[in-house]
Amino acid sequence: MKPIMIIGIILIVLGIGALAYQGITYTTREKIIEIGPFQASADTQKTIPLSPLLGGLALAGGIVMVIVGRKKS
């Protein structure tokens, strides 16, 4: 299998993932108050948005790379 086809398959998988999840969510723990031995903290969820346009471009680019890789072989 040619490297261009492998990269194309990876782009297809990443594009499908970006379209399916539309963002990466993670949780952070933040200290609110610390008085002597007592502490108060809160969990905060943050999201890194992924544009559907980005997912579509990755998917289309991956398909093109796989087709070009097949035609050259």
C-alpha atoms as a PDB file:
ATOM      1  CA  MET A   1       0.000   0.000   0.000  1.00  0.00           C
ATOM      2  CA  LYS A   2       1.384   3.394  -0.980  1.00  0.00           C
ATOM      3  CA  PRO A   3       1.994   6.157   1.593  1.00  0.00           C
ATOM      4  CA  ILE A   4      -0.496   8.464  -0.164  1.00  0.00           C
ATOM      5  CA  MET A   5      -3.222   5.858   0.305  1.00  0.00           C
ATOM      6  CA  ILE A   6      -2.370   5.408   3.987  1.00  0.00           C
ATOM      7  CA  ILE A   7      -2.536   9.174   4.556  1.00  0.00           C
ATOM      8  CA  GLY A   8      -5.826   9.253   2.642  1.00  0.00           C
ATOM      9  CA  ILE A   9      -7.341   6.531   4.848  1.00  0.00           C
ATOM     10  CA  ILE A  10      -6.208   8.386   7.982  1.00  0.00           C
ATOM     11  CA  LEU A  11      -7.822  11.593   6.686  1.00  0.00           C
ATOM     12  CA  ILE A  12     -11.065   9.728   5.956  1.00  0.00           C
ATOM     13  CA  VAL A  13     -11.192   8.328   9.499  1.00  0.00           C
ATOM     14  CA  LEU A  14     -10.393  11.740  11.041  1.00  0.00           C
ATOM     15  CA  GLY A  15     -13.006  13.432   8.837  1.00  0.00           C
ATOM     16  CA  ILE A  16     -15.718  10.968   9.848  1.00  0.00           C
ATOM     17  CA  GLY A  17     -14.745  11.404  13.498  1.00  0.00           C
ATOM     18  CA  ALA A  18     -14.874  15.207  13.237  1.00  0.00           C
ATOM     19  CA  LEU A  19     -18.317  15.058  11.611  1.00  0.00           C
ATOM     20  CA  ALA A  20     -19.640  12.593  14.186  1.00  0.00           C
ATOM     21  CA  TYR A  21     -18.381  14.248  17.391  1.00  0.00           C
ATOM     22  CA  GLN A  22     -18.196  17.947  16.361  1.00  0.00           C
ATOM     23  CA  GLY A  23     -15.951  18.738  19.330  1.00  0.00           C
ATOM     24  CA  ILE A  24     -13.562  17.446  21.955  1.00  0.00           C
ATOM     25  CA  THR A  25     -14.780  17.794  25.551  1.00  0.00           C
ATOM     26  CA  TYR A  26     -12.524  17.588  28.583  1.00  0.00           C
ATOM     27  CA  THR A  27     -12.910  18.263  32.307  1.00  0.00           C
ATOM     28  CA  THR A  28     -10.676  20.399  34.513  1.00  0.00           C
ATOM     29  CA  ARG A  29     -10.740  20.751  38.289  1.00  0.00           C
ATOM     30  CA  GLU A  30     -10.385  24.279  39.626  1.00  0.00           C
ATOM     31  CA  LYS A  31      -9.798  25.383  43.224  1.00  0.00           C
ATOM     32  CA  ILE A  32     -12.447  27.847  44.344  1.00  0.00           C
ATOM     33  CA  ILE A  33     -11.508  28.393  47.995  1.00  0.00           C
ATOM     34  CA  GLU A  34      -8.650  27.243  50.186  1.00  0.00           C
ATOM     35  CA  ILE A  35      -8.934  28.203  53.848  1.00  0.00           C
ATOM     36  CA  GLY A  36      -6.451  26.357  56.039  1.00  0.00           C
ATOM     37  CA  PRO A  37      -7.045  22.620  55.661  1.00  0.00           C
ATOM     38  CA  PHE A  38     -10.411  23.152  53.944  1.00  0.00           C
ATOM     39  CA  GLN A  39     -10.629  23.278  50.178  1.00  0.00           C
ATOM     40  CA  ALA A  40     -13.461  23.711  47.746  1.00  0.00           C
ATOM     41  CA  SER A  41     -13.098  22.803  44.098  1.00  0.00           C
ATOM     42  CA  ALA A  42     -15.340  22.555  41.079  1.00  0.00           C
ATOM     43  CA  ASP A  43     -15.200  20.458  37.930  1.00  0.00           C
ATOM     44  CA  THR A  44     -15.566  22.472  34.752  1.00  0.00           C
ATOM     45  CA  GLN A  45     -16.238  20.980  31.329  1.00  0.00           C
ATOM     46  CA  LYS A  46     -14.607  22.704  28.388  1.00  0.00           C
ATOM     47  CA  THR A  47     -15.133  21.969  24.706  1.00  0.00           C
ATOM     48  CA  ILE A  48     -12.838  22.505  21.732  1.00  0.00           C
ATOM     49  CA  PRO A  49     -15.244  22.833  18.783  1.00  0.00           C
ATOM     50  CA  LEU A  50     -14.504  21.110  15.468  1.00  0.00           C
ATOM     51  CA  SER A  51     -16.094  22.702  12.445  1.00  0.00           C
ATOM     52  CA  PRO A  52     -18.157  20.417  10.193  1.00  0.00           C
ATOM     53  CA  LEU A  53     -16.394  22.170   7.312  1.00  0.00           C
ATOM     54  CA  LEU A  54     -13.058  20.898   8.638  1.00  0.00           C
ATOM     55  CA  GLY A  55     -14.421  17.344   8.860  1.00  0.00           C
ATOM     56  CA  GLY A  56     -15.870  17.534   5.351  1.00  0.00           C
ATOM     57  CA  LEU A  57     -12.612  18.836   3.893  1.00  0.00           C
ATOM     58  CA  ALA A  58     -10.601  16.091   5.590  1.00  0.00           C
ATOM     59  CA  LEU A  59     -13.042  13.453   4.326  1.00  0.00           C
ATOM     60  CA  ALA A  60     -12.999  14.791   0.762  1.00  0.00           C
ATOM     61  CA  GLY A  61      -9.215  15.145   0.766  1.00  0.00           C
ATOM     62  CA  GLY A  62      -8.813  11.583   2.013  1.00  0.00           C
ATOM     63  CA  ILE A  63     -11.101  10.212  -0.698  1.00  0.00           C
ATOM     64  CA  VAL A  64      -9.177  12.111  -3.379  1.00  0.00           C
ATOM     65  CA  MET A  65      -5.845  10.812  -2.042  1.00  0.00           C
ATOM     66  CA  VAL A  66      -7.065   7.195  -2.055  1.00  0.00           C
ATOM     67  CA  ILE A  67      -8.362   7.540  -5.634  1.00  0.00           C
ATOM     68  CA  VAL A  68      -5.107   9.136  -6.832  1.00  0.00           C
ATOM     69  CA  GLY A  69      -3.098   6.414  -5.074  1.00  0.00           C
ATOM     70  CA  ARG A  70      -5.100   3.671  -6.786  1.00  0.00           C
ATOM     71  CA  LYS A  71      -4.782   5.208 -10.252  1.00  0.00           C
ATOM     72  CA  LYS A  72      -0.980   5.424  -9.974  1.00  0.00           C
ATOM     73  CA  SER A  73      -0.570   1.757  -9.063  1.00  0.00           C
END
